[in-house]
Structures are given as structure tokens and as C-alpha cells.
Amino acid sequence: MGLPSEFDIKGKAFVDAGTLRIAKTQFAGNTDTGKIRLAAGVGLAWKSPFGPIRVDLAQAIVKEPFDETELVHFSFGTRF
């Protein structure tokens, strides 16, 4: 990213693809047609003094009309 290493900020690029295993059923309130969905994005990860902080920006590339998409995802805290 071109930042000094003491900032401990990392950039990332990602692609996410998937579907539910059982086609044409309702699972946890979500309808699935069995078709694969696809999204791509970029993000930043920072190991702050208060714990890890992540911000991701993603765009759905392949989706169904009823899918709910999320452009920005923010998370902080430890992983279990």
C-alpha cells in the first residue's frame, strides 16, 4: 500500500462466490434458486491498539433480484 510498516495497515482484494447447498428451498428466511452468486471487492485491515478493524467495499456481480446486497462492511474485534 506504500504506507510505513509501523502503521500495520494492509490492503486486500477479494472475490466471493457461493450458493446454498439445497436448491429451491427456504433457509433462514432466504430463498435460494441453486444458482451461484458472485461478488468482488477491496478492503483495508488495521491492527489498531484497540483490536483489529476491517472495512470492506464490495459489489455484487451475479445476483438474484431478491438478494439483499451490502456495499460497505465494517468489523472490529477479535476472531474466535
PDB file of N, CA and C in Angstrom:
ATOM      1  N   MET A   1       0.810  -1.184   0.000  1.00  0.00           N
ATOM      2  CA  MET A   1       0.000   0.000   0.000  1.00  0.00           C
ATOM      3  C   MET A   1       0.865   1.265   0.000  1.00  0.00           C
ATOM      4  N   GLY A   2       2.144   1.130   0.246  1.00  0.00           N
ATOM      5  CA  GLY A   2       3.006   2.281   0.246  1.00  0.00           C
ATOM      6  C   GLY A   2       3.074   3.010   1.579  1.00  0.00           C
ATOM      7  N   LEU A   3       2.431   2.478   2.606  1.00  0.00           N
ATOM      8  CA  LEU A   3       2.465   3.091   3.934  1.00  0.00           C
ATOM      9  C   LEU A   3       3.605   2.499   4.747  1.00  0.00           C
ATOM     10  N   PRO A   4       4.145   3.243   5.711  1.00  0.00           N
ATOM     11  CA  PRO A   4       5.185   2.680   6.578  1.00  0.00           C
ATOM     12  C   PRO A   4       4.657   1.464   7.343  1.00  0.00           C
ATOM     13  N   SER A   5       5.496   0.468   7.555  1.00  0.00           N
ATOM     14  CA  SER A   5       5.066  -0.785   8.191  1.00  0.00           C
ATOM     15  C   SER A   5       4.587  -0.579   9.625  1.00  0.00           C
ATOM     16  N   GLU A   6       5.036   0.471  10.306  1.00  0.00           N
ATOM     17  CA  GLU A   6       4.596   0.679  11.690  1.00  0.00           C
ATOM     18  C   GLU A   6       3.114   1.044  11.791  1.00  0.00           C
ATOM     19  N   PHE A   7       2.495   1.459  10.689  1.00  0.00           N
ATOM     20  CA  PHE A   7       1.049   1.709  10.703  1.00  0.00           C
ATOM     21  C   PHE A   7       0.262   0.404  10.758  1.00  0.00           C
ATOM     22  N   ASP A   8       0.863  -0.690  10.297  1.00  0.00           N
ATOM     23  CA  ASP A   8       0.243  -2.026  10.294  1.00  0.00           C
ATOM     24  C   ASP A   8      -1.127  -2.035   9.598  1.00  0.00           C
ATOM     25  N   ILE A   9      -1.208  -1.373   8.445  1.00  0.00           N
ATOM     26  CA  ILE A   9      -2.424  -1.354   7.634  1.00  0.00           C
ATOM     27  C   ILE A   9      -2.160  -2.186   6.380  1.00  0.00           C
ATOM     28  N   LYS A  10      -3.070  -3.107   6.106  1.00  0.00           N
ATOM     29  CA  LYS A  10      -2.919  -3.975   4.937  1.00  0.00           C
ATOM     30  C   LYS A  10      -4.121  -3.792   4.019  1.00  0.00           C
ATOM     31  N   GLY A  11      -3.867  -3.812   2.720  1.00  0.00           N
ATOM     32  CA  GLY A  11      -4.924  -3.758   1.723  1.00  0.00           C
ATOM     33  C   GLY A  11      -5.208  -5.158   1.201  1.00  0.00           C
ATOM     34  N   LYS A  12      -6.396  -5.336   0.676  1.00  0.00           N
ATOM     35  CA  LYS A  12      -6.748  -6.648   0.129  1.00  0.00           C
ATOM     36  C   LYS A  12      -7.753  -6.476  -0.999  1.00  0.00           C
ATOM     37  N   ALA A  13      -7.771  -7.450  -1.857  1.00  0.00           N
ATOM     38  CA  ALA A  13      -8.766  -7.560  -2.923  1.00  0.00           C
ATOM     39  C   ALA A  13      -9.326  -8.970  -2.828  1.00  0.00           C
ATOM     40  N   PHE A  14     -10.617  -9.127  -3.071  1.00  0.00           N
ATOM     41  CA  PHE A  14     -11.220 -10.445  -2.898  1.00  0.00           C
ATOM     42  C   PHE A  14     -12.355 -10.676  -3.887  1.00  0.00           C
ATOM     43  N   VAL A  15     -12.641 -11.951  -4.090  1.00  0.00           N
ATOM     44  CA  VAL A  15     -13.784 -12.419  -4.863  1.00  0.00           C
ATOM     45  C   VAL A  15     -14.474 -13.463  -4.018  1.00  0.00           C
ATOM     46  N   ASP A  16     -15.792 -13.405  -3.959  1.00  0.00           N
ATOM     47  CA  ASP A  16     -16.570 -14.347  -3.152  1.00  0.00           C
ATOM     48  C   ASP A  16     -17.667 -14.943  -4.022  1.00  0.00           C
ATOM     49  N   ALA A  17     -17.765 -16.251  -4.044  1.00  0.00           N
ATOM     50  CA  ALA A  17     -18.796 -16.930  -4.826  1.00  0.00           C
ATOM     51  C   ALA A  17     -19.406 -18.035  -3.985  1.00  0.00           C
ATOM     52  N   GLY A  18     -20.705 -18.274  -4.157  1.00  0.00           N
ATOM     53  CA  GLY A  18     -21.328 -19.361  -3.418  1.00  0.00           C
ATOM     54  C   GLY A  18     -22.825 -19.417  -3.610  1.00  0.00           C
ATOM     55  N   THR A  19     -23.402 -20.454  -3.035  1.00  0.00           N
ATOM     56  CA  THR A  19     -24.840 -20.671  -3.044  1.00  0.00           C
ATOM     57  C   THR A  19     -25.174 -21.553  -1.850  1.00  0.00           C
ATOM     58  N   LEU A  20     -26.451 -21.695  -1.563  1.00  0.00           N
ATOM     59  CA  LEU A  20     -26.857 -22.651  -0.539  1.00  0.00           C
ATOM     60  C   LEU A  20     -26.770 -24.049  -1.115  1.00  0.00           C
ATOM     61  N   ARG A  21     -26.607 -25.029  -0.263  1.00  0.00           N
ATOM     62  CA  ARG A  21     -26.432 -26.396  -0.756  1.00  0.00           C
ATOM     63  C   ARG A  21     -27.724 -26.982  -1.310  1.00  0.00           C
ATOM     64  N   ILE A  22     -28.825 -26.697  -0.660  1.00  0.00           N
ATOM     65  CA  ILE A  22     -30.106 -27.273  -1.085  1.00  0.00           C
ATOM     66  C   ILE A  22     -30.817 -26.264  -1.978  1.00  0.00           C
ATOM     67  N   ALA A  23     -31.040 -26.630  -3.226  1.00  0.00           N
ATOM     68  CA  ALA A  23     -31.653 -25.710  -4.178  1.00  0.00           C
ATOM     69  C   ALA A  23     -33.166 -25.640  -3.988  1.00  0.00           C
ATOM     70  N   LYS A  24     -33.734 -24.506  -4.349  1.00  0.00           N
ATOM     71  CA  LYS A  24     -35.179 -24.276  -4.362  1.00  0.00           C
ATOM     72  C   LYS A  24     -35.831 -24.527  -3.010  1.00  0.00           C
ATOM     73  N   THR A  25     -35.184 -24.098  -1.943  1.00  0.00           N
ATOM     74  CA  THR A  25     -35.766 -24.203  -0.604  1.00  0.00           C
ATOM     75  C   THR A  25     -35.614 -22.868   0.104  1.00  0.00           C
ATOM     76  N   GLN A  26     -36.274 -22.753   1.242  1.00  0.00           N
ATOM     77  CA  GLN A  26     -36.100 -21.581   2.073  1.00  0.00           C
ATOM     78  C   GLN A  26     -35.248 -21.965   3.263  1.00  0.00           C
ATOM     79  N   PHE A  27     -34.204 -21.194   3.520  1.00  0.00           N
ATOM     80  CA  PHE A  27     -33.283 -21.457   4.626  1.00  0.00           C
ATOM     81  C   PHE A  27     -33.068 -20.152   5.368  1.00  0.00           C
ATOM     82  N   ALA A  28     -33.450 -20.104   6.627  1.00  0.00           N
ATOM     83  CA  ALA A  28     -33.282 -18.903   7.466  1.00  0.00           C
ATOM     84  C   ALA A  28     -33.906 -17.675   6.816  1.00  0.00           C
ATOM     85  N   GLY A  29     -35.037 -17.858   6.169  1.00  0.00           N
ATOM     86  CA  GLY A  29     -35.734 -16.722   5.572  1.00  0.00           C
ATOM     87  C   GLY A  29     -35.212 -16.305   4.207  1.00  0.00           C
ATOM     88  N   ASN A  30     -34.223 -16.989   3.672  1.00  0.00           N
ATOM     89  CA  ASN A  30     -33.668 -16.647   2.360  1.00  0.00           C
ATOM     90  C   ASN A  30     -34.075 -17.697   1.344  1.00  0.00           C
ATOM     91  N   THR A  31     -34.583 -17.252   0.219  1.00  0.00           N
ATOM     92  CA  THR A  31     -34.929 -18.170  -0.858  1.00  0.00           C
ATOM     93  C   THR A  31     -33.693 -18.401  -1.707  1.00  0.00           C
ATOM     94  N   ASP A  32     -33.457 -19.653  -2.096  1.00  0.00           N
ATOM     95  CA  ASP A  32     -32.314 -19.959  -2.946  1.00  0.00           C
ATOM     96  C   ASP A  32     -32.774 -20.686  -4.184  1.00  0.00           C
ATOM     97  N   THR A  33     -32.257 -20.299  -5.321  1.00  0.00           N
ATOM     98  CA  THR A  33     -32.605 -20.944  -6.585  1.00  0.00           C
ATOM     99  C   THR A  33     -31.572 -21.987  -6.989  1.00  0.00           C
ATOM    100  N   GLY A  34     -30.507 -22.114  -6.226  1.00  0.00           N
ATOM    101  CA  GLY A  34     -29.438 -23.042  -6.579  1.00  0.00           C
ATOM    102  C   GLY A  34     -28.402 -22.431  -7.496  1.00  0.00           C
ATOM    103  N   LYS A  35     -28.589 -21.176  -7.897  1.00  0.00           N
ATOM    104  CA  LYS A  35     -27.631 -20.500  -8.779  1.00  0.00           C
ATOM    105  C   LYS A  35     -26.520 -19.857  -7.943  1.00  0.00           C
ATOM    106  N   ILE A  36     -25.326 -19.823  -8.511  1.00  0.00           N
ATOM    107  CA  ILE A  36     -24.178 -19.234  -7.824  1.00  0.00           C
ATOM    108  C   ILE A  36     -24.273 -17.714  -7.866  1.00  0.00           C
ATOM    109  N   ARG A  37     -23.960 -17.078  -6.721  1.00  0.00           N
ATOM    110  CA  ARG A  37     -23.848 -15.622  -6.635  1.00  0.00           C
ATOM    111  C   ARG A  37     -22.368 -15.276  -6.629  1.00  0.00           C
ATOM    112  N   LEU A  38     -22.016 -14.080  -7.085  1.00  0.00           N
ATOM    113  CA  LEU A  38     -20.626 -13.668  -7.186  1.00  0.00           C
ATOM    114  C   LEU A  38     -20.494 -12.200  -6.796  1.00  0.00           C
ATOM    115  N   ALA A  39     -19.483 -11.896  -5.990  1.00  0.00           N
ATOM    116  CA  ALA A  39     -19.186 -10.517  -5.598  1.00  0.00           C
ATOM    117  C   ALA A  39     -17.673 -10.336  -5.579  1.00  0.00           C
ATOM    118  N   ALA A  40     -17.239  -9.091  -5.762  1.00  0.00           N
ATOM    119  CA  ALA A  40     -15.815  -8.760  -5.708  1.00  0.00           C
ATOM    120  C   ALA A  40     -15.661  -7.445  -4.955  1.00  0.00           C
ATOM    121  N   GLY A  41     -14.501  -7.263  -4.338  1.00  0.00           N
ATOM    122  CA  GLY A  41     -14.309  -6.036  -3.597  1.00  0.00           C
ATOM    123  C   GLY A  41     -12.878  -5.805  -3.159  1.00  0.00           C
ATOM    124  N   VAL A  42     -12.703  -4.717  -2.405  1.00  0.00           N
ATOM    125  CA  VAL A  42     -11.416  -4.337  -1.845  1.00  0.00           C
ATOM    126  C   VAL A  42     -11.643  -3.964  -0.380  1.00  0.00           C
ATOM    127  N   GLY A  43     -10.561  -3.986   0.388  1.00  0.00           N
ATOM    128  CA  GLY A  43     -10.712  -3.643   1.796  1.00  0.00           C
ATOM    129  C   GLY A  43      -9.408  -3.248   2.439  1.00  0.00           C
ATOM    130  N   LEU A  44      -9.535  -2.725   3.656  1.00  0.00           N
ATOM    131  CA  LEU A  44      -8.398  -2.368   4.491  1.00  0.00           C
ATOM    132  C   LEU A  44      -8.516  -3.089   5.823  1.00  0.00           C
ATOM    133  N   ALA A  45      -7.382  -3.534   6.341  1.00  0.00           N
ATOM    134  CA  ALA A  45      -7.333  -4.170   7.660  1.00  0.00           C
ATOM    135  C   ALA A  45      -6.254  -3.464   8.474  1.00  0.00           C
ATOM    136  N   TRP A  46      -6.606  -3.056   9.697  1.00  0.00           N
ATOM    137  CA  TRP A  46      -5.679  -2.328  10.561  1.00  0.00           C
ATOM    138  C   TRP A  46      -5.655  -2.989  11.933  1.00  0.00           C
ATOM    139  N   LYS A  47      -4.463  -3.335  12.386  1.00  0.00           N
ATOM    140  CA  LYS A  47      -4.296  -3.865  13.744  1.00  0.00           C
ATOM    141  C   LYS A  47      -4.122  -2.676  14.674  1.00  0.00           C
ATOM    142  N   SER A  48      -5.243  -2.114  15.109  1.00  0.00           N
ATOM    143  CA  SER A  48      -5.220  -0.922  15.949  1.00  0.00           C
ATOM    144  C   SER A  48      -4.877  -1.302  17.391  1.00  0.00           C
ATOM    145  N   PRO A  49      -4.547  -0.319  18.227  1.00  0.00           N
ATOM    146  CA  PRO A  49      -4.294  -0.601  19.647  1.00  0.00           C
ATOM    147  C   PRO A  49      -5.532  -1.156  20.367  1.00  0.00           C
ATOM    148  N   PHE A  50      -6.721  -0.967  19.792  1.00  0.00           N
ATOM    149  CA  PHE A  50      -7.965  -1.443  20.401  1.00  0.00           C
ATOM    150  C   PHE A  50      -8.421  -2.784  19.848  1.00  0.00           C
ATOM    151  N   GLY A  51      -7.696  -3.332  18.887  1.00  0.00           N
ATOM    152  CA  GLY A  51      -8.051  -4.598  18.249  1.00  0.00           C
ATOM    153  C   GLY A  51      -8.135  -4.419  16.743  1.00  0.00           C
ATOM    154  N   PRO A  52      -8.285  -5.521  16.011  1.00  0.00           N
ATOM    155  CA  PRO A  52      -8.330  -5.440  14.548  1.00  0.00           C
ATOM    156  C   PRO A  52      -9.586  -4.724  14.048  1.00  0.00           C
ATOM    157  N   ILE A  53      -9.409  -3.879  13.050  1.00  0.00           N
ATOM    158  CA  ILE A  53     -10.506  -3.153  12.411  1.00  0.00           C
ATOM    159  C   ILE A  53     -10.431  -3.420  10.915  1.00  0.00           C
ATOM    160  N   ARG A  54     -11.590  -3.742  10.326  1.00  0.00           N
ATOM    161  CA  ARG A  54     -11.654  -4.006   8.885  1.00  0.00           C
ATOM    162  C   ARG A  54     -12.768  -3.202   8.249  1.00  0.00           C
ATOM    163  N   VAL A  55     -12.502  -2.690   7.064  1.00  0.00           N
ATOM    164  CA  VAL A  55     -13.511  -2.023   6.245  1.00  0.00           C
ATOM    165  C   VAL A  55     -13.410  -2.630   4.850  1.00  0.00           C
ATOM    166  N   ASP A  56     -14.524  -3.146   4.354  1.00  0.00           N
ATOM    167  CA  ASP A  56     -14.564  -3.756   3.028  1.00  0.00           C
ATOM    168  C   ASP A  56     -15.612  -3.053   2.171  1.00  0.00           C
ATOM    169  N   LEU A  57     -15.293  -2.864   0.900  1.00  0.00           N
ATOM    170  CA  LEU A  57     -16.230  -2.372  -0.104  1.00  0.00           C
ATOM    171  C   LEU A  57     -16.394  -3.473  -1.132  1.00  0.00           C
ATOM    172  N   ALA A  58     -17.631  -3.873  -1.402  1.00  0.00           N
ATOM    173  CA  ALA A  58     -17.863  -4.975  -2.339  1.00  0.00           C
ATOM    174  C   ALA A  58     -19.031  -4.657  -3.253  1.00  0.00           C
ATOM    175  N   GLN A  59     -19.007  -5.243  -4.433  1.00  0.00           N
ATOM    176  CA  GLN A  59     -20.076  -5.073  -5.408  1.00  0.00           C
ATOM    177  C   GLN A  59     -20.544  -6.442  -5.872  1.00  0.00           C
ATOM    178  N   ALA A  60     -21.845  -6.678  -5.805  1.00  0.00           N
ATOM    179  CA  ALA A  60     -22.405  -7.930  -6.321  1.00  0.00           C
ATOM    180  C   ALA A  60     -22.297  -7.920  -7.842  1.00  0.00           C
ATOM    181  N   ILE A  61     -21.773  -8.991  -8.406  1.00  0.00           N
ATOM    182  CA  ILE A  61     -21.617  -9.102  -9.855  1.00  0.00           C
ATOM    183  C   ILE A  61     -22.718  -9.976 -10.433  1.00  0.00           C
ATOM    184  N   VAL A  62     -22.954 -11.118  -9.793  1.00  0.00           N
ATOM    185  CA  VAL A  62     -24.034 -12.017 -10.192  1.00  0.00           C
ATOM    186  C   VAL A  62     -24.943 -12.173  -8.987  1.00  0.00           C
ATOM    187  N   LYS A  63     -26.229 -11.804  -9.132  1.00  0.00           N
ATOM    188  CA  LYS A  63     -27.168 -11.895  -8.021  1.00  0.00           C
ATOM    189  C   LYS A  63     -28.562 -12.161  -8.542  1.00  0.00           C
ATOM    190  N   GLU A  64     -29.443 -12.539  -7.633  1.00  0.00           N
ATOM    191  CA  GLU A  64     -30.851 -12.723  -7.948  1.00  0.00           C
ATOM    192  C   GLU A  64     -31.589 -11.429  -7.604  1.00  0.00           C
ATOM    193  N   PRO A  65     -32.728 -11.176  -8.221  1.00  0.00           N
ATOM    194  CA  PRO A  65     -33.467  -9.935  -7.947  1.00  0.00           C
ATOM    195  C   PRO A  65     -33.855  -9.763  -6.478  1.00  0.00           C
ATOM    196  N   PHE A  66     -34.064 -10.853  -5.758  1.00  0.00           N
ATOM    197  CA  PHE A  66     -34.498 -10.773  -4.360  1.00  0.00           C
ATOM    198  C   PHE A  66     -33.332 -10.741  -3.370  1.00  0.00           C
ATOM    199  N   ASP A  67     -32.086 -10.837  -3.829  1.00  0.00           N
ATOM    200  CA  ASP A  67     -30.927 -10.804  -2.936  1.00  0.00           C
ATOM    201  C   ASP A  67     -30.763  -9.413  -2.323  1.00  0.00           C
ATOM    202  N   GLU A  68     -30.425  -9.387  -1.046  1.00  0.00           N
ATOM    203  CA  GLU A  68     -30.113  -8.131  -0.369  1.00  0.00           C
ATOM    204  C   GLU A  68     -28.598  -7.963  -0.394  1.00  0.00           C
ATOM    205  N   THR A  69     -28.114  -6.870  -0.973  1.00  0.00           N
ATOM    206  CA  THR A  69     -26.679  -6.657  -1.096  1.00  0.00           C
ATOM    207  C   THR A  69     -26.203  -5.615  -0.084  1.00  0.00           C
ATOM    208  N   GLU A  70     -24.915  -5.624   0.164  1.00  0.00           N
ATOM    209  CA  GLU A  70     -24.289  -4.719   1.119  1.00  0.00           C
ATOM    210  C   GLU A  70     -23.033  -4.154   0.471  1.00  0.00           C
ATOM    211  N   LEU A  71     -22.950  -2.843   0.316  1.00  0.00           N
ATOM    212  CA  LEU A  71     -21.806  -2.218  -0.333  1.00  0.00           C
ATOM    213  C   LEU A  71     -20.619  -2.078   0.617  1.00  0.00           C
ATOM    214  N   VAL A  72     -20.866  -1.660   1.857  1.00  0.00           N
ATOM    215  CA  VAL A  72     -19.813  -1.425   2.839  1.00  0.00           C
ATOM    216  C   VAL A  72     -20.010  -2.361   4.021  1.00  0.00           C
ATOM    217  N   HIS A  73     -18.923  -2.987   4.462  1.00  0.00           N
ATOM    218  CA  HIS A  73     -18.959  -3.842   5.646  1.00  0.00           C
ATOM    219  C   HIS A  73     -17.847  -3.388   6.590  1.00  0.00           C
ATOM    220  N   PHE A  74     -18.206  -3.127   7.839  1.00  0.00           N
ATOM    221  CA  PHE A  74     -17.249  -2.681   8.852  1.00  0.00           C
ATOM    222  C   PHE A  74     -17.254  -3.693   9.979  1.00  0.00           C
ATOM    223  N   SER A  75     -16.062  -4.097  10.440  1.00  0.00           N
ATOM    224  CA  SER A  75     -15.991  -5.023  11.578  1.00  0.00           C
ATOM    225  C   SER A  75     -14.801  -4.673  12.450  1.00  0.00           C
ATOM    226  N   PHE A  76     -14.926  -5.016  13.719  1.00  0.00           N
ATOM    227  CA  PHE A  76     -13.812  -4.822  14.650  1.00  0.00           C
ATOM    228  C   PHE A  76     -13.898  -5.876  15.732  1.00  0.00           C
ATOM    229  N   GLY A  77     -12.776  -6.136  16.386  1.00  0.00           N
ATOM    230  CA  GLY A  77     -12.717  -7.111  17.450  1.00  0.00           C
ATOM    231  C   GLY A  77     -11.887  -8.320  17.065  1.00  0.00           C
ATOM    232  N   THR A  78     -11.837  -9.261  17.969  1.00  0.00           N
ATOM    233  CA  THR A  78     -11.012 -10.453  17.746  1.00  0.00           C
ATOM    234  C   THR A  78     -11.812 -11.513  17.011  1.00  0.00           C
ATOM    235  N   ARG A  79     -11.093 -12.491  16.463  1.00  0.00           N
ATOM    236  CA  ARG A  79     -11.701 -13.637  15.789  1.00  0.00           C
ATOM    237  C   ARG A  79     -11.641 -14.832  16.706  1.00  0.00           C
ATOM    238  N   PHE A  80     -12.672 -15.654  16.673  1.00  0.00           N
ATOM    239  CA  PHE A  80     -12.698 -16.877  17.501  1.00  0.00           C
ATOM    240  C   PHE A  80     -12.424 -18.087  16.654  1.00  0.00           C
TER     241      PHE A  80
END
